[in-house]
Amino acid sequence: MNEQTCACPHCNCKLGEHAVVRHGKHYCCQACAEHHPHGEPCTASSSCHCADKPK
């Protein structure tokens, strides 16, 4: 099991089985991989609010 954390700067989620790889970095979900362009929430955890943080 992978215990790495998401590459999104404000996300603390662990990478799961369905991590998204983009430009060689690993993200917990597609929203984090796309850097929340329209404020999409992190879908890996309902308690994560990384999309709310200023970029």
N, C-alpha and C. Protein backbone atom coordinates (compact mmCIF):
# COMPACT_ATOMS: atom_id res chain seq x y z
N MET A 1 0.84 -1.19 0.00
CA MET A 1 0.00 0.00 0.00
C MET A 1 0.88 1.24 0.00
N ASN A 2 0.48 2.23 -0.75
CA ASN A 2 1.25 3.46 -0.90
C ASN A 2 0.89 4.44 0.21
N GLU A 3 1.88 4.92 0.94
CA GLU A 3 1.64 5.86 2.03
C GLU A 3 2.11 7.28 1.69
N GLN A 4 2.34 7.56 0.42
CA GLN A 4 2.74 8.89 0.02
C GLN A 4 1.56 9.84 0.11
N THR A 5 1.85 11.13 0.24
CA THR A 5 0.79 12.12 0.25
C THR A 5 0.65 12.77 -1.12
N CYS A 6 -0.46 13.38 -1.33
CA CYS A 6 -0.80 14.05 -2.58
C CYS A 6 0.18 15.20 -2.85
N ALA A 7 0.49 15.43 -4.12
CA ALA A 7 1.40 16.50 -4.52
C ALA A 7 0.73 17.88 -4.54
N CYS A 8 -0.57 17.93 -4.35
CA CYS A 8 -1.28 19.22 -4.27
C CYS A 8 -0.72 19.97 -3.06
N PRO A 9 -0.30 21.21 -3.22
CA PRO A 9 0.40 21.93 -2.14
C PRO A 9 -0.33 22.01 -0.80
N HIS A 10 -1.65 22.05 -0.80
CA HIS A 10 -2.38 22.22 0.45
C HIS A 10 -3.13 20.96 0.88
N CYS A 11 -2.88 19.85 0.19
CA CYS A 11 -3.58 18.61 0.46
C CYS A 11 -2.71 17.70 1.32
N ASN A 12 -3.33 17.05 2.30
CA ASN A 12 -2.62 16.11 3.16
C ASN A 12 -3.13 14.69 2.96
N CYS A 13 -3.92 14.45 1.93
CA CYS A 13 -4.50 13.13 1.70
C CYS A 13 -3.41 12.14 1.28
N LYS A 14 -3.61 10.90 1.70
CA LYS A 14 -2.72 9.81 1.28
C LYS A 14 -3.15 9.36 -0.11
N LEU A 15 -2.18 8.92 -0.89
CA LEU A 15 -2.50 8.39 -2.21
C LEU A 15 -3.12 7.02 -2.07
N GLY A 16 -4.19 6.81 -2.77
CA GLY A 16 -4.88 5.53 -2.72
C GLY A 16 -4.56 4.70 -3.96
N GLU A 17 -5.36 3.67 -4.16
CA GLU A 17 -5.17 2.78 -5.30
C GLU A 17 -5.37 3.48 -6.64
N HIS A 18 -6.18 4.53 -6.65
CA HIS A 18 -6.53 5.20 -7.89
C HIS A 18 -5.90 6.58 -7.99
N ALA A 19 -4.67 6.70 -7.56
CA ALA A 19 -3.97 7.98 -7.64
C ALA A 19 -3.84 8.42 -9.10
N VAL A 20 -3.83 9.73 -9.30
CA VAL A 20 -3.72 10.30 -10.63
C VAL A 20 -2.28 10.80 -10.80
N VAL A 21 -1.65 10.42 -11.90
CA VAL A 21 -0.28 10.87 -12.18
C VAL A 21 -0.36 11.92 -13.27
N ARG A 22 0.23 13.07 -13.00
CA ARG A 22 0.25 14.16 -13.98
C ARG A 22 1.60 14.84 -13.92
N HIS A 23 2.26 14.92 -15.03
CA HIS A 23 3.59 15.54 -15.13
C HIS A 23 4.56 14.95 -14.12
N GLY A 24 4.47 13.64 -13.90
CA GLY A 24 5.39 12.95 -13.02
C GLY A 24 5.10 13.09 -11.54
N LYS A 25 4.01 13.76 -11.19
CA LYS A 25 3.63 13.93 -9.78
C LYS A 25 2.36 13.12 -9.52
N HIS A 26 2.20 12.69 -8.28
CA HIS A 26 1.07 11.85 -7.91
C HIS A 26 0.07 12.64 -7.07
N TYR A 27 -1.19 12.54 -7.43
CA TYR A 27 -2.27 13.26 -6.77
C TYR A 27 -3.34 12.28 -6.30
N CYS A 28 -4.06 12.64 -5.25
CA CYS A 28 -5.08 11.75 -4.70
C CYS A 28 -6.34 11.71 -5.55
N CYS A 29 -6.60 12.75 -6.34
CA CYS A 29 -7.80 12.79 -7.17
C CYS A 29 -7.57 13.71 -8.37
N GLN A 30 -8.49 13.66 -9.32
CA GLN A 30 -8.38 14.46 -10.53
C GLN A 30 -8.42 15.96 -10.23
N ALA A 31 -9.24 16.37 -9.28
CA ALA A 31 -9.34 17.80 -8.94
C ALA A 31 -7.99 18.34 -8.47
N CYS A 32 -7.29 17.58 -7.65
CA CYS A 32 -5.96 18.01 -7.19
C CYS A 32 -4.97 18.02 -8.35
N ALA A 33 -5.05 17.02 -9.22
CA ALA A 33 -4.14 16.94 -10.37
C ALA A 33 -4.31 18.14 -11.30
N GLU A 34 -5.53 18.67 -11.37
CA GLU A 34 -5.81 19.82 -12.22
C GLU A 34 -5.66 21.13 -11.47
N HIS A 35 -5.27 21.07 -10.21
CA HIS A 35 -5.05 22.24 -9.35
C HIS A 35 -6.32 23.05 -9.11
N HIS A 36 -7.45 22.38 -9.04
CA HIS A 36 -8.74 22.99 -8.67
C HIS A 36 -9.04 24.26 -9.48
N PRO A 37 -9.04 24.18 -10.82
CA PRO A 37 -9.20 25.39 -11.63
C PRO A 37 -10.50 26.16 -11.39
N HIS A 38 -11.55 25.46 -10.99
CA HIS A 38 -12.83 26.12 -10.75
C HIS A 38 -13.31 25.90 -9.32
N GLY A 39 -12.36 25.64 -8.43
CA GLY A 39 -12.69 25.42 -7.02
C GLY A 39 -13.28 24.06 -6.71
N GLU A 40 -13.06 23.10 -7.62
CA GLU A 40 -13.58 21.75 -7.38
C GLU A 40 -13.01 21.22 -6.08
N PRO A 41 -13.82 20.57 -5.26
CA PRO A 41 -13.33 20.04 -3.99
C PRO A 41 -12.47 18.80 -4.18
N CYS A 42 -11.66 18.53 -3.22
CA CYS A 42 -10.88 17.30 -3.19
C CYS A 42 -11.87 16.16 -3.00
N THR A 43 -11.79 15.16 -3.86
CA THR A 43 -12.75 14.06 -3.78
C THR A 43 -12.20 12.85 -3.01
N ALA A 44 -10.96 12.93 -2.57
CA ALA A 44 -10.37 11.81 -1.83
C ALA A 44 -10.84 11.78 -0.38
N SER A 45 -11.19 12.95 0.16
CA SER A 45 -11.62 13.03 1.55
C SER A 45 -12.58 14.19 1.73
N SER A 46 -13.71 13.94 2.36
CA SER A 46 -14.68 15.01 2.58
C SER A 46 -14.18 16.01 3.62
N SER A 47 -13.18 15.64 4.40
CA SER A 47 -12.65 16.56 5.41
C SER A 47 -11.50 17.40 4.89
N CYS A 48 -11.07 17.16 3.65
CA CYS A 48 -9.98 17.93 3.06
C CYS A 48 -10.54 19.17 2.38
N HIS A 49 -9.94 20.29 2.64
CA HIS A 49 -10.40 21.55 2.05
C HIS A 49 -9.27 22.24 1.31
N CYS A 50 -8.43 21.44 0.63
CA CYS A 50 -7.29 22.01 -0.06
C CYS A 50 -7.70 22.96 -1.18
N ALA A 51 -8.86 22.78 -1.77
CA ALA A 51 -9.33 23.66 -2.84
C ALA A 51 -9.69 25.04 -2.31
N ASP A 52 -9.92 25.16 -1.00
CA ASP A 52 -10.30 26.44 -0.40
C ASP A 52 -9.10 27.33 -0.11
N LYS A 53 -7.89 26.76 -0.16
CA LYS A 53 -6.68 27.51 0.15
C LYS A 53 -6.31 28.42 -1.00
N PRO A 54 -5.78 29.60 -0.71
CA PRO A 54 -5.35 30.49 -1.81
C PRO A 54 -4.20 29.87 -2.59
N LYS A 55 -4.19 30.10 -3.87
CA LYS A 55 -3.14 29.54 -4.73
C LYS A 55 -1.93 30.41 -4.76
